[in-house]
C-alpha atoms as a PDB file:
ATOM      1  CA  MET A   1      11.726 -31.985 -34.314  1.00  0.00           C
ATOM      2  CA  GLY A   2       8.036 -31.201 -33.840  1.00  0.00           C
ATOM      3  CA  SER A   3       6.508 -28.004 -32.771  1.00  0.00           C
ATOM      4  CA  ASP A   4       3.731 -29.622 -30.609  1.00  0.00           C
ATOM      5  CA  VAL A   5       3.688 -28.338 -27.041  1.00  0.00           C
ATOM      6  CA  ILE A   6       2.019 -29.307 -23.864  1.00  0.00           C
ATOM      7  CA  GLU A   7      -0.200 -26.422 -22.964  1.00  0.00           C
ATOM      8  CA  ARG A   8      -2.040 -25.584 -19.799  1.00  0.00           C
ATOM      9  CA  GLN A   9      -4.306 -22.447 -20.021  1.00  0.00           C
ATOM     10  CA  GLU A  10      -5.503 -22.070 -16.435  1.00  0.00           C
ATOM     11  CA  THR A  11      -3.440 -20.647 -13.652  1.00  0.00           C
ATOM     12  CA  ARG A  12      -3.836 -21.743 -10.073  1.00  0.00           C
ATOM     13  CA  PRO A  13      -3.842 -19.337  -7.015  1.00  0.00           C
ATOM     14  CA  SER A  14      -0.898 -19.308  -4.842  1.00  0.00           C
ATOM     15  CA  ASP A  15      -0.920 -22.156  -2.179  1.00  0.00           C
ATOM     16  CA  PRO A  16       0.930 -21.206   1.202  1.00  0.00           C
ATOM     17  CA  GLY A  17       2.156 -24.824   1.349  1.00  0.00           C
ATOM     18  CA  MET A  18       3.661 -24.771  -2.046  1.00  0.00           C
ATOM     19  CA  GLU A  19       7.266 -24.413  -2.679  1.00  0.00           C
ATOM     20  CA  GLU A  20       8.362 -20.807  -3.079  1.00  0.00           C
ATOM     21  CA  GLY A  21       9.078 -19.687  -6.886  1.00  0.00           C
ATOM     22  CA  LYS A  22       8.058 -23.069  -8.338  1.00  0.00           C
ATOM     23  CA  VAL A  23       6.162 -22.915 -11.547  1.00  0.00           C
ATOM     24  CA  ALA A  24       4.972 -25.389 -14.162  1.00  0.00           C
ATOM     25  CA  HIS A  25       6.878 -24.895 -17.574  1.00  0.00           C
ATOM     26  CA  ILE A  26       5.429 -25.570 -20.920  1.00  0.00           C
ATOM     27  CA  ILE A  27       7.425 -28.031 -22.821  1.00  0.00           C
ATOM     28  CA  ARG A  28       7.466 -29.707 -26.303  1.00  0.00           C
ATOM     29  CA  LYS A  29       5.512 -32.970 -26.398  1.00  0.00           C
ATOM     30  CA  ASP A  30       8.588 -34.821 -27.843  1.00  0.00           C
ATOM     31  CA  ASP A  31      10.560 -33.690 -24.793  1.00  0.00           C
ATOM     32  CA  GLN A  32       7.951 -34.994 -22.368  1.00  0.00           C
ATOM     33  CA  MET A  33       8.733 -38.732 -22.584  1.00  0.00           C
ATOM     34  CA  ARG A  34      12.634 -37.925 -22.646  1.00  0.00           C
ATOM     35  CA  GLY A  35      12.296 -35.902 -19.484  1.00  0.00           C
ATOM     36  CA  TYR A  36       9.807 -37.980 -17.434  1.00  0.00           C
ATOM     37  CA  VAL A  37      10.717 -41.540 -18.614  1.00  0.00           C
ATOM     38  CA  LEU A  38      14.554 -41.321 -19.302  1.00  0.00           C
ATOM     39  CA  GLY A  39      15.207 -38.612 -16.706  1.00  0.00           C
ATOM     40  CA  GLU A  40      16.982 -36.383 -19.211  1.00  0.00           C
ATOM     41  CA  GLU A  41      17.307 -32.579 -18.930  1.00  0.00           C
ATOM     42  CA  ILE A  42      14.769 -30.772 -21.145  1.00  0.00           C
ATOM     43  CA  THR A  43      14.369 -27.039 -22.099  1.00  0.00           C
ATOM     44  CA  ALA A  44      11.089 -25.258 -21.427  1.00  0.00           C
ATOM     45  CA  LEU A  45       9.808 -22.602 -24.122  1.00  0.00           C
ATOM     46  CA  CYS A  46      11.157 -19.892 -21.710  1.00  0.00           C
ATOM     47  CA  GLY A  47      14.628 -21.364 -21.847  1.00  0.00           C
ATOM     48  CA  GLU A  48      14.791 -22.957 -18.378  1.00  0.00           C
ATOM     49  CA  LYS A  49      16.542 -26.358 -18.394  1.00  0.00           C
ATOM     50  CA  PHE A  50      15.361 -28.886 -15.842  1.00  0.00           C
ATOM     51  CA  ILE A  51      14.719 -32.422 -15.220  1.00  0.00           C
ATOM     52  CA  PRO A  52      10.954 -32.867 -14.701  1.00  0.00           C
ATOM     53  CA  THR A  53      10.124 -34.631 -11.321  1.00  0.00           C
ATOM     54  CA  ARG A  54       6.995 -32.953 -10.038  1.00  0.00           C
ATOM     55  CA  ASP A  55       3.382 -32.925 -11.008  1.00  0.00           C
ATOM     56  CA  PRO A  56       2.976 -29.762 -13.004  1.00  0.00           C
ATOM     57  CA  TYR A  57      -0.649 -29.381 -12.173  1.00  0.00           C
ATOM     58  CA  GLN A  58       0.221 -28.269  -8.589  1.00  0.00           C
ATOM     59  CA  TYR A  59       2.037 -25.158  -9.772  1.00  0.00           C
ATOM     60  CA  PRO A  60       1.126 -22.032 -11.585  1.00  0.00           C
ATOM     61  CA  VAL A  61       2.082 -21.711 -15.291  1.00  0.00           C
ATOM     62  CA  CYS A  62       5.465 -20.055 -15.965  1.00  0.00           C
ATOM     63  CA  GLU A  63       4.774 -16.487 -17.333  1.00  0.00           C
ATOM     64  CA  GLY A  64       7.781 -16.722 -19.660  1.00  0.00           C
ATOM     65  CA  CYS A  65       6.714 -19.957 -21.045  1.00  0.00           C
ATOM     66  CA  ARG A  66       3.156 -18.587 -21.676  1.00  0.00           C
ATOM     67  CA  ALA A  67       4.622 -15.408 -23.464  1.00  0.00           C
ATOM     68  CA  ALA A  68       6.866 -17.657 -25.618  1.00  0.00           C
ATOM     69  CA  LEU A  69       3.876 -19.793 -26.614  1.00  0.00           C
ATOM     70  CA  THR A  70       1.789 -16.678 -27.425  1.00  0.00           C
ATOM     71  CA  MET A  71       4.640 -15.460 -29.622  1.00  0.00           C
ATOM     72  CA  MET A  72       4.899 -18.895 -31.409  1.00  0.00           C
ATOM     73  CA  ASN A  73       1.218 -18.923 -32.059  1.00  0.00           C
ATOM     74  CA  GLY A  74       1.111 -15.327 -33.228  1.00  0.00           C
ATOM     75  CA  SER A  75      -1.579 -14.467 -30.774  1.00  0.00           C
ATOM     76  CA  ASP A  76      -1.891 -11.408 -28.434  1.00  0.00           C
END
């Protein structure tokens, strides 16, 4: 299993039309295809399990995933 992840650094301001509480999770690259193409449930870095169905660029980045990625990279 690879340790490559899909990372988005920027966060987006809250949009009043956006669904409440929705965030974009950071996932491993090898899980991306399984989730989007095969419709399988995947696990984000924060531990959230979900089937990806939405465009992640429309939502702010999950803070739990961001913290997990920081810990994995050994950064502050």
